[in-house]
Protein backbone atom coordinates (compact mmCIF):
# COMPACT_ATOMS: atom_id res chain seq x y z
CA MET A 1 0.11 0.33 -0.01
CA LYS A 2 1.60 3.39 -0.93
CA THR A 3 1.24 6.31 0.86
CA GLU A 4 2.47 9.94 0.67
CA ARG A 5 6.09 10.68 0.81
CA GLY A 6 7.59 11.20 4.25
CA GLN A 7 5.19 8.24 5.89
CA ALA A 8 5.73 4.94 6.84
CA SER A 9 3.95 2.42 4.23
CA ILE A 10 2.58 -1.04 5.03
CA ASN A 11 3.43 -4.02 3.00
CA GLN A 12 1.61 -7.21 2.24
CA ARG A 13 2.17 -8.77 5.69
CA GLY A 14 1.04 -6.02 7.65
CA GLN A 15 4.34 -4.63 8.95
CA ALA A 16 5.60 -1.09 8.30
CA SER A 17 8.83 -0.25 6.28
CA ILE A 18 11.06 2.33 6.19
CA ASN A 19 9.82 4.99 4.20
CA GLN A 20 11.22 6.93 1.40
CA ARG A 21 13.16 9.39 3.92
CA GLY A 22 15.12 6.72 4.83
CA GLN A 23 13.18 7.42 8.62
CA ALA A 24 12.51 4.18 10.68
CA SER A 25 9.34 3.25 11.35
CA ILE A 26 7.45 2.62 14.96
CA ASN A 27 8.46 -1.10 14.98
CA GLN A 28 11.76 -0.55 14.04
CA ARG A 29 12.28 2.24 17.04
CA GLY A 30 11.05 -0.53 19.10
CA GLN A 31 13.56 -2.98 18.42
CA ALA A 32 16.01 -0.69 19.12
CA SER A 33 14.28 -0.17 22.41
CA MET A 34 14.45 -4.16 23.20
CA GLU A 35 18.13 -4.34 22.11
CA ALA A 36 19.12 -1.69 24.71
CA VAL A 37 16.98 -3.25 27.40
CA LEU A 38 18.71 -6.68 26.62
CA LEU A 39 22.28 -5.16 26.35
CA VAL A 40 21.85 -3.75 29.77
CA ILE A 41 20.37 -7.18 31.09
CA ILE A 42 23.44 -8.74 29.78
CA VAL A 43 25.73 -6.24 31.21
CA THR A 44 23.97 -6.87 34.34
CA ILE A 45 24.26 -10.29 34.30
CA VAL A 46 28.24 -10.32 33.62
CA ALA A 47 28.60 -7.56 36.75
CA VAL A 48 26.95 -10.09 39.00
CA LYS A 49 28.67 -13.08 38.01
CA ILE A 50 32.08 -10.91 38.24
CA SER A 51 30.97 -9.64 41.74
CA SER A 52 30.06 -12.72 43.10
CA LEU A 53 33.20 -14.47 42.02
CA ALA A 54 35.40 -11.70 43.63
CA LYS A 55 33.55 -12.16 46.50
CA SER A 56 34.07 -16.01 46.86
CA GLU A 57 37.49 -15.54 45.87
CA GLY A 58 38.39 -12.93 48.24
CA LEU A 59 40.17 -10.60 45.67
CA MET A 60 38.70 -7.54 47.51
CA ARG A 61 39.96 -8.92 51.22
CA ASN A 62 43.77 -9.24 49.66
CA VAL A 63 42.96 -5.82 48.66
CA VAL A 64 41.51 -4.23 51.92
CA GLU A 65 43.36 -6.45 54.53
CA GLY A 66 47.00 -6.60 53.11
CA PRO A 67 47.97 -2.97 53.81
CA TRP A 68 46.03 -2.96 56.99
CA ALA A 69 47.92 -5.52 58.58
CA PRO A 70 51.21 -3.36 59.16
CA ILE A 71 49.28 -0.52 60.15
CA ARG A 72 47.45 -2.25 62.75
CA GLY A 73 50.65 -3.69 64.35
CA MET A 74 51.77 -0.28 64.35
CA ILE A 75 48.54 1.03 66.09
CA GLU A 76 48.59 -1.47 68.65
CA ASP A 77 52.26 -2.07 69.52
CA GLY A 78 54.26 0.26 67.87
CA VAL A 79 56.06 -1.40 65.29
CA TRP A 80 55.81 -1.62 61.68
CA VAL A 81 55.06 -5.72 61.49
CA ARG A 82 51.76 -7.63 60.78
CA TYR A 83 49.53 -7.25 63.92
CA GLN A 84 49.91 -11.23 64.82
CA ILE A 85 53.78 -11.18 65.65
CA SER A 86 53.62 -7.53 66.84
CA LYS A 87 52.67 -8.65 70.23
CA PRO A 88 56.13 -9.47 71.47
CA LEU A 89 57.69 -6.52 70.08
CA HIS A 90 55.78 -3.87 72.06
CA PRO A 91 58.39 -1.95 74.05
CA ASN A 92 56.60 -3.21 77.39
CA HIS A 93 57.99 -6.54 76.90
CA LEU A 94 61.62 -5.93 76.41
CA ILE A 95 63.84 -7.14 79.18
CA ARG A 96 64.88 -3.51 80.74
CA HIS A 97 68.14 -3.44 82.89
CA GLN A 98 68.06 -0.68 85.42
CA SER A 99 69.64 -0.01 88.66
CA LYS A 100 68.19 0.34 91.94
CA LYS A 101 70.95 2.53 93.45
CA GLY A 102 69.84 5.19 90.62
CA ASP A 103 72.19 7.88 89.29
CA SER A 104 76.03 7.71 90.69
CA THR A 105 77.70 10.74 90.72
């Protein structure tokens, strides 16, 4: 079925086609919207899979806890080593030799 120039024409199957100016019809614009929605869904699925993999493998834990261990040792015990081994290195655990007589002059 032919129409005026600038409008979509309907073919024998009842589908709208591209008009003479090259503009897409309503059905083709809907297809682009559906493709965009499908792409968003695919990107979301991939992002969820990557985040669940990172969580199960502990990838972010290494990034956060790695630098924090020596900082925690410094905060708790005053030495730049991991907090698990910094306890015996605390200055209060050092053996000190002192004189009970005081200064002798």
